[in-house]
Structures are given as structure tokens and as C-alpha cells.
Amino acid sequence: MDAQELARRYEVGERDFTDAGLSHANLGGACLSGANLSRAILGWANLNLANLTRANLTEANLTGADLLRANLEGADLSGAHLHGAYLVGANLRKVNLRRADLRMARMSGADVSGADLGRAILSRASLIGANLTEANLSGATLSGANLREAMVTPEQLASALSLEGATLPDGTLHE
């Protein structure tokens, strides 16, 4: 399936795209609200400005995907692979990112408020200026992450599994 076929099928009411192969697809600005893309292969896809609100992306492969300013509010990305994904300015409010792989993801300025990042891997992720208000960081790995100017409480950070080498909101390095 290519991007045009997916858009056409979505337009006529289809919502189940489980296991779809859309690697390198150009879906920039696409409306896929409520779509089931569980286990879809979206590695290196262009999804900037896409509307993925309430979409099911459980265990989807979004490695290196461009999600610049994408709207993922309320989406389920539990167990998703977002290694190196570009999520700058993305709306990730109330997103389920439980056990997601966000290693080296670029999330500067993203709104991650109320999201579940429990047991997520955020090693070397860039969260500069991200809004993590009321986000669950319980058991998350934040080693080497950059949290400079991020909105996050000491209590949230204390619930993380690892902060080794992370840059804290005040610019200091966690030891």
C-alpha cells in the first residue's frame, strides 16, 4: 500500500491499516484521526503536520519518522519504535507512550503533558523546552537525555529508572 491508496481508503471510511507497509511514505498533513495503524511500518515516513489524534499506533515502527508539529493527542503509541524520530513541536498530550523506544528522538518544544511515558526509553532524547506537566515518567530511562528548560517536576524525575548523564531543566548534569 502506498500513501495515496491509504489516503483514498481512509477518505471512504476505512480505518484499519494494521501491519501496513508505509516506509518512507509522504503523509505530511494527512488526516488519519482514529486510524488503526498498529504494527504499521512507518520508518522514515513524512508525517509532519499530520492529524493522528486518537490513532492506534501500538508497536508501530516510526524509526526516523518526521512528525514535526504532528497532532497525536490521545493516540496509543505503546511499545512503538520512535528511535531518532523528529517530534519537534508535536502535540503528544495524553498520549500512551508506555514502553515506547524514543532513543535519540528530537522532542524539543513538544507538548507531552499528561502522557504516559512509563518504562519508555528516552536515552539521549532531546526534550529541550518540552512540556512534561503531569506526564508519567515512572520507570522511564532518561540517561543522556537533554531536559534543559523542560517543564517537569523533581518528583517526576525521581520516578524515572535512570537519569545518568541527563541534562536537567536548570542546565546541570545529573550524575
Protein backbone atom coordinates (compact mmCIF):
# COMPACT_ATOMS: atom_id res chain seq x y z
CA MET A 1 0.00 0.00 0.00
CA ASP A 2 1.29 3.47 -0.79
CA ALA A 3 0.39 6.84 0.77
CA GLN A 4 -2.18 7.71 -1.91
CA GLU A 5 -4.01 4.40 -1.51
CA LEU A 6 -4.08 4.78 2.27
CA ALA A 7 -5.47 8.33 1.97
CA ARG A 8 -8.11 7.18 -0.53
CA ARG A 9 -9.18 4.25 1.66
CA TYR A 10 -9.30 6.48 4.76
CA GLU A 11 -11.41 9.02 2.87
CA VAL A 12 -14.07 6.41 2.07
CA GLY A 13 -14.30 5.34 5.72
CA GLU A 14 -11.75 2.57 6.16
CA ARG A 15 -9.85 2.88 9.45
CA ASP A 16 -7.99 -0.43 9.89
CA PHE A 17 -4.49 -0.34 8.44
CA THR A 18 -2.90 -2.87 10.80
CA ASP A 19 0.56 -4.02 9.62
CA ALA A 20 0.55 -1.55 6.70
CA GLY A 21 3.92 -1.12 4.98
CA LEU A 22 4.42 2.63 4.56
CA SER A 23 8.15 3.06 4.97
CA HIS A 24 9.32 6.41 3.52
CA ALA A 25 5.69 7.34 2.69
CA ASN A 26 4.78 11.00 2.25
CA LEU A 27 1.82 11.55 4.58
CA GLY A 28 2.62 15.15 5.51
CA GLY A 29 -0.55 16.97 6.55
CA ALA A 30 -2.66 13.80 6.23
CA CYS A 31 -5.74 13.33 8.41
CA LEU A 32 -5.63 9.84 9.94
CA SER A 33 -7.54 10.61 13.13
CA GLY A 34 -8.75 7.42 14.80
CA ALA A 35 -6.97 5.15 12.31
CA ASN A 36 -5.68 1.75 13.41
CA LEU A 37 -2.04 1.66 12.36
CA SER A 38 -0.90 -0.89 14.93
CA ARG A 39 2.32 -2.61 13.91
CA ALA A 40 2.46 -0.43 10.76
CA ILE A 41 5.88 0.21 9.26
CA LEU A 42 6.24 3.98 9.00
CA GLY A 43 10.01 4.21 9.31
CA TRP A 44 11.40 7.41 7.77
CA ALA A 45 7.87 8.47 6.73
CA ASN A 46 6.94 12.14 6.37
CA LEU A 47 4.11 12.75 8.84
CA ASN A 48 4.78 16.41 9.59
CA LEU A 49 1.61 18.32 10.44
CA ALA A 50 -0.37 15.05 10.22
CA ASN A 51 -3.52 14.62 12.31
CA LEU A 52 -3.14 11.33 14.17
CA THR A 53 -5.42 12.16 17.11
CA ARG A 54 -6.69 9.05 18.90
CA ALA A 55 -4.89 6.82 16.35
CA ASN A 56 -3.79 3.33 17.37
CA LEU A 57 -0.06 3.09 16.67
CA THR A 58 0.76 0.33 19.16
CA GLU A 59 4.05 -1.37 18.30
CA ALA A 60 4.29 0.68 15.08
CA ASN A 61 7.73 1.28 13.59
CA LEU A 62 8.24 5.05 13.30
CA THR A 63 12.03 4.94 13.36
CA GLY A 64 13.39 8.22 11.97
CA ALA A 65 9.89 9.43 11.05
CA ASP A 66 9.29 13.16 10.58
CA LEU A 67 6.43 14.12 12.92
CA LEU A 68 7.18 17.85 13.05
CA ARG A 69 4.20 19.58 14.71
CA ALA A 70 2.05 16.47 14.18
CA ASN A 71 -1.08 16.18 16.31
CA LEU A 72 -1.05 12.85 18.16
CA GLU A 73 -3.27 13.89 21.08
CA GLY A 74 -4.82 10.85 22.77
CA ALA A 75 -3.05 8.39 20.45
CA ASP A 76 -1.80 4.99 21.61
CA LEU A 77 1.88 4.51 20.82
CA SER A 78 2.57 1.91 23.49
CA GLY A 79 5.53 -0.24 22.51
CA ALA A 80 6.12 1.87 19.38
CA HIS A 81 9.59 2.29 17.91
CA LEU A 82 10.37 6.02 17.57
CA HIS A 83 14.17 5.78 17.63
CA GLY A 84 15.51 9.01 16.13
CA ALA A 85 12.02 10.32 15.31
CA TYR A 86 11.58 14.06 14.77
CA LEU A 87 8.77 15.19 17.10
CA VAL A 88 9.71 18.87 17.44
CA GLY A 89 6.65 20.91 18.42
CA ALA A 90 4.40 17.83 18.27
CA ASN A 91 1.18 17.60 20.27
CA LEU A 92 1.63 14.49 22.41
CA ARG A 93 -0.91 15.43 25.09
CA LYS A 94 -2.36 12.40 26.87
CA VAL A 95 -0.54 10.01 24.52
CA ASN A 96 0.20 6.47 25.67
CA LEU A 97 3.94 6.03 25.10
CA ARG A 98 4.31 3.23 27.63
CA ARG A 99 7.35 1.05 26.81
CA ALA A 100 8.00 3.09 23.63
CA ASP A 101 11.53 3.35 22.25
CA LEU A 102 12.28 7.07 21.94
CA ARG A 103 16.07 6.81 21.95
CA MET A 104 17.63 9.88 20.32
CA ALA A 105 14.16 11.27 19.47
CA ARG A 106 14.05 15.03 18.97
CA MET A 107 11.13 16.35 21.02
CA SER A 108 12.12 19.97 21.63
CA GLY A 109 9.10 22.14 22.35
CA ALA A 110 6.73 19.16 22.24
CA ASP A 111 3.65 19.16 24.47
CA VAL A 112 3.83 15.84 26.30
CA SER A 113 1.56 16.91 29.18
CA GLY A 114 -0.46 14.13 30.74
CA ALA A 115 1.28 11.49 28.60
CA ASP A 116 2.17 8.04 29.91
CA LEU A 117 5.90 7.51 29.42
CA GLY A 118 6.06 4.67 31.95
CA ARG A 119 9.03 2.40 31.19
CA ALA A 120 9.73 4.31 27.96
CA ILE A 121 13.32 4.54 26.74
CA LEU A 122 14.32 8.18 26.21
CA SER A 123 18.10 7.73 26.24
CA ARG A 124 19.83 10.69 24.56
CA ALA A 125 16.46 12.18 23.57
CA SER A 126 16.22 15.96 23.17
CA LEU A 127 13.39 17.30 25.34
CA ILE A 128 14.57 20.92 25.38
CA GLY A 129 11.66 23.13 26.42
CA ALA A 130 9.19 20.23 26.31
CA ASN A 131 6.06 20.41 28.44
CA LEU A 132 6.01 17.28 30.62
CA THR A 133 3.42 18.59 33.07
CA GLU A 134 1.64 15.64 34.73
CA ALA A 135 3.39 13.15 32.45
CA ASN A 136 4.08 9.73 33.97
CA LEU A 137 7.85 9.08 33.91
CA SER A 138 7.70 6.07 36.24
CA GLY A 139 10.43 3.61 35.27
CA ALA A 140 11.46 5.65 32.21
CA THR A 141 15.09 5.63 31.10
CA LEU A 142 16.30 9.20 30.61
CA SER A 143 20.05 8.56 30.58
CA GLY A 144 21.84 11.17 28.50
CA ALA A 145 18.56 12.99 27.73
CA ASN A 146 18.53 16.78 27.40
CA LEU A 147 15.78 18.24 29.59
CA ARG A 148 17.05 21.84 29.55
CA GLU A 149 14.15 24.24 30.20
CA ALA A 150 11.65 21.35 30.18
CA MET A 151 8.57 21.73 32.36
CA VAL A 152 8.96 18.76 34.71
CA THR A 153 8.96 18.40 38.49
CA PRO A 154 11.70 16.88 40.65
CA GLU A 155 9.11 14.29 41.76
CA GLN A 156 8.52 13.20 38.16
CA LEU A 157 12.26 12.90 37.57
CA ALA A 158 12.68 10.94 40.80
CA SER A 159 10.26 8.30 39.48
CA ALA A 160 12.44 7.64 36.42
CA LEU A 161 14.55 4.50 36.29
CA SER A 162 17.70 6.32 35.16
CA LEU A 163 18.81 9.93 34.76
CA GLU A 164 22.51 9.14 34.40
CA GLY A 165 24.23 11.83 32.35
CA ALA A 166 20.96 13.69 31.70
CA THR A 167 20.94 17.48 31.40
CA LEU A 168 18.36 18.70 33.92
CA PRO A 169 15.93 21.62 33.36
CA ASP A 170 18.29 24.06 35.10
CA GLY A 171 21.16 23.05 32.78
CA THR A 172 23.07 20.99 35.33
CA LEU A 173 24.26 17.47 34.55
CA HIS A 174 22.82 14.60 36.59
CA GLU A 175 25.49 12.33 37.95
